[in-house]
Amino acid sequence: MYMQSEVVQVFYDYVRMVDIFSCAATYFLIKAIKNDDRKKYFILAGIATSLFILTKQNMGLLFWIYSIILICSVSLVLRRSVKEKLIYFITGSIVPIFITIIFMLINGSLIPFFNQTGGEAVAAKGGILHILFNWIINNMSSFINTSKFSIICLACIIVSAIIKKEG
């Protein structure tokens, strides 16, 4: 059973896997933060995030970066050590990617993989600069319109963290 009502083409089912990996990574990060920084949850979050990267490279890398920012931010707000958490998260991230790279090397598919995901895909979308920065130009009015709300939300989060810490 699919999570959406319309007919889904089989070759787009990877999106459901991306959903699963992102939800799993988020779940493990929350468990790690709530359960006194259990190392296994940071490792599992890293594994789920790397599976996300292996499924959809561009969004997976963004998710990985945001996960690192989350780990650092929460650690700083809660006055906990950042280094150990990042080591476990990054270690969990590296293992599946390393295994996949070895598998691709053995099968001779590593170079074609990089050509397809890095070369041909980038060229088909107008080049790396277009991919990285054109979305900003296209959405500038939306950024401006929502920035006030975002700043208010961020302020509320910071204030609630400070109140919780002092209380």
Protein backbone atom coordinates (compact mmCIF):
# COMPACT_ATOMS: atom_id res chain seq x y z
CA MET A 1 0.00 0.00 0.00
CA TYR A 2 1.31 3.40 -0.96
CA MET A 3 1.31 6.53 1.16
CA GLN A 4 -0.38 8.56 -1.55
CA SER A 5 -3.64 8.14 -3.38
CA GLU A 6 -2.60 8.45 -7.02
CA VAL A 7 -1.07 5.70 -9.10
CA VAL A 8 2.68 5.51 -8.54
CA GLN A 9 5.14 4.56 -11.22
CA VAL A 10 7.42 1.77 -10.08
CA PHE A 11 10.64 3.62 -10.86
CA TYR A 12 9.68 6.43 -8.49
CA ASP A 13 9.22 4.15 -5.49
CA TYR A 14 12.67 5.16 -4.25
CA VAL A 15 10.90 8.20 -2.79
CA ARG A 16 9.22 5.95 -0.22
CA MET A 17 12.63 4.61 0.76
CA VAL A 18 13.87 8.16 1.20
CA ASP A 19 10.87 8.79 3.47
CA ILE A 20 11.67 5.70 5.51
CA PHE A 21 15.36 6.55 5.86
CA SER A 22 14.70 10.17 6.81
CA CYS A 23 12.06 9.16 9.37
CA ALA A 24 14.36 6.50 10.80
CA ALA A 25 17.26 8.93 11.07
CA THR A 26 15.05 11.53 12.72
CA TYR A 27 13.67 8.93 15.13
CA PHE A 28 17.16 7.77 16.10
CA LEU A 29 18.38 11.34 16.57
CA ILE A 30 15.43 12.08 18.85
CA LYS A 31 16.07 8.87 20.80
CA ALA A 32 19.75 9.77 21.13
CA ILE A 33 18.96 13.23 22.45
CA LYS A 34 16.20 12.07 24.82
CA ASN A 35 18.06 9.03 26.17
CA ASP A 36 21.16 10.67 27.59
CA ASP A 37 23.05 10.61 24.32
CA ARG A 38 23.10 6.88 23.75
CA LYS A 39 25.89 6.13 21.32
CA LYS A 40 24.00 3.40 19.50
CA TYR A 41 21.28 5.85 18.46
CA PHE A 42 23.80 8.26 16.96
CA ILE A 43 25.33 5.35 15.04
CA LEU A 44 21.90 4.18 13.86
CA ALA A 45 21.00 7.74 12.84
CA GLY A 46 24.23 7.91 10.85
CA ILE A 47 23.46 4.60 9.14
CA ALA A 48 19.93 5.70 8.23
CA THR A 49 21.23 9.02 6.95
CA SER A 50 23.87 7.35 4.79
CA LEU A 51 21.21 5.06 3.34
CA PHE A 52 19.29 8.23 2.52
CA ILE A 53 22.43 9.59 0.81
CA LEU A 54 22.88 6.39 -1.17
CA THR A 55 19.25 6.54 -2.31
CA LYS A 56 19.01 10.23 -3.20
CA GLN A 57 22.40 11.87 -3.12
CA ASN A 58 21.57 15.58 -3.16
CA MET A 59 18.78 15.51 -0.58
CA GLY A 60 20.64 12.94 1.48
CA LEU A 61 23.67 15.20 1.75
CA LEU A 62 21.47 18.11 2.80
CA PHE A 63 19.80 15.91 5.39
CA TRP A 64 23.24 14.81 6.63
CA ILE A 65 24.39 18.42 6.98
CA TYR A 66 21.20 19.40 8.79
CA SER A 67 21.60 16.42 11.11
CA ILE A 68 25.10 17.57 12.01
CA ILE A 69 23.78 21.09 12.63
CA LEU A 70 21.03 19.62 14.83
CA ILE A 71 23.49 17.55 16.84
CA CYS A 72 25.76 20.56 17.36
CA SER A 73 22.89 22.91 18.22
CA VAL A 74 21.23 20.61 20.71
CA SER A 75 24.56 19.77 22.31
CA LEU A 76 25.39 23.44 22.73
CA VAL A 77 21.97 24.33 24.13
CA LEU A 78 22.04 21.41 26.56
CA ARG A 79 25.72 22.03 27.32
CA ARG A 80 26.82 18.57 26.29
CA SER A 81 29.91 17.41 24.47
CA VAL A 82 29.61 17.66 20.69
CA LYS A 83 32.73 15.80 19.60
CA GLU A 84 31.75 12.31 20.73
CA LYS A 85 28.26 12.55 19.26
CA LEU A 86 29.60 13.68 15.90
CA ILE A 87 32.18 10.90 15.87
CA TYR A 88 29.48 8.26 16.38
CA PHE A 89 27.11 9.85 13.88
CA ILE A 90 29.79 10.23 11.20
CA THR A 91 31.09 6.71 11.85
CA GLY A 92 27.57 5.37 11.35
CA SER A 93 27.34 7.42 8.17
CA ILE A 94 30.61 6.17 6.73
CA VAL A 95 30.07 2.43 7.17
CA PRO A 96 27.26 1.85 4.59
CA ILE A 97 28.88 4.22 2.12
CA PHE A 98 32.22 2.44 2.49
CA ILE A 99 30.57 -0.95 1.98
CA THR A 100 28.76 0.36 -1.10
CA ILE A 101 31.96 1.81 -2.56
CA ILE A 102 33.76 -1.51 -2.10
CA PHE A 103 30.85 -3.36 -3.72
CA MET A 104 30.85 -0.92 -6.65
CA LEU A 105 34.62 -1.22 -7.07
CA ILE A 106 34.39 -5.00 -7.18
CA ASN A 107 31.63 -4.84 -9.78
CA GLY A 108 33.22 -2.06 -11.83
CA SER A 109 30.31 0.31 -11.33
CA LEU A 110 31.88 3.03 -9.20
CA ILE A 111 33.05 5.26 -12.06
CA PRO A 112 29.76 4.89 -13.99
CA PHE A 113 27.90 5.72 -10.76
CA PHE A 114 29.84 8.95 -10.31
CA ASN A 115 29.46 9.80 -13.99
CA GLN A 116 25.72 9.28 -13.86
CA THR A 117 25.02 10.98 -10.53
CA GLY A 118 27.65 13.68 -10.71
CA GLY A 119 28.32 14.31 -14.37
CA GLU A 120 25.29 13.55 -16.50
CA ALA A 121 22.73 14.50 -13.86
CA VAL A 122 24.39 17.85 -13.19
CA ALA A 123 24.70 18.64 -16.89
CA ALA A 124 21.05 17.76 -17.50
CA LYS A 125 19.97 20.26 -14.85
CA GLY A 126 21.93 23.19 -16.24
CA GLY A 127 25.22 22.91 -14.40
CA ILE A 128 26.33 23.03 -10.80
CA LEU A 129 25.88 26.78 -10.32
CA HIS A 130 22.33 26.60 -11.60
CA ILE A 131 21.57 23.72 -9.25
CA LEU A 132 23.16 25.33 -6.21
CA PHE A 133 21.96 28.90 -6.52
CA ASN A 134 19.08 29.31 -8.96
CA TRP A 135 16.53 28.11 -6.41
CA ILE A 136 17.44 31.10 -4.24
CA ILE A 137 16.77 33.55 -7.05
CA ASN A 138 13.54 31.81 -8.02
CA ASN A 139 12.23 31.81 -4.44
CA MET A 140 13.48 35.15 -3.12
CA SER A 141 10.00 36.58 -2.61
CA SER A 142 8.96 33.50 -0.63
CA PHE A 143 12.04 33.81 1.57
CA ILE A 144 11.28 37.44 2.27
CA ASN A 145 7.60 36.72 2.99
CA THR A 146 8.33 33.88 5.43
CA SER A 147 11.42 35.30 7.12
CA LYS A 148 9.43 37.14 9.81
CA PHE A 149 7.62 33.97 10.82
CA SER A 150 10.86 31.98 10.80
CA ILE A 151 12.59 34.52 13.03
CA ILE A 152 9.67 34.45 15.48
CA CYS A 153 9.75 30.64 15.57
CA LEU A 154 13.51 30.59 16.11
CA ALA A 155 13.20 33.15 18.91
CA CYS A 156 10.50 31.05 20.60
CA ILE A 157 12.68 27.95 20.40
CA ILE A 158 15.66 29.77 21.89
CA VAL A 159 13.58 31.34 24.67
CA SER A 160 11.97 28.01 25.56
CA ALA A 161 15.39 26.33 25.68
CA ILE A 162 16.71 29.06 27.98
CA ILE A 163 13.66 28.85 30.24
CA LYS A 164 13.90 25.07 30.38
CA LYS A 165 17.61 25.23 31.20
CA GLU A 166 17.10 27.77 33.99
CA GLY A 167 14.02 26.01 35.38
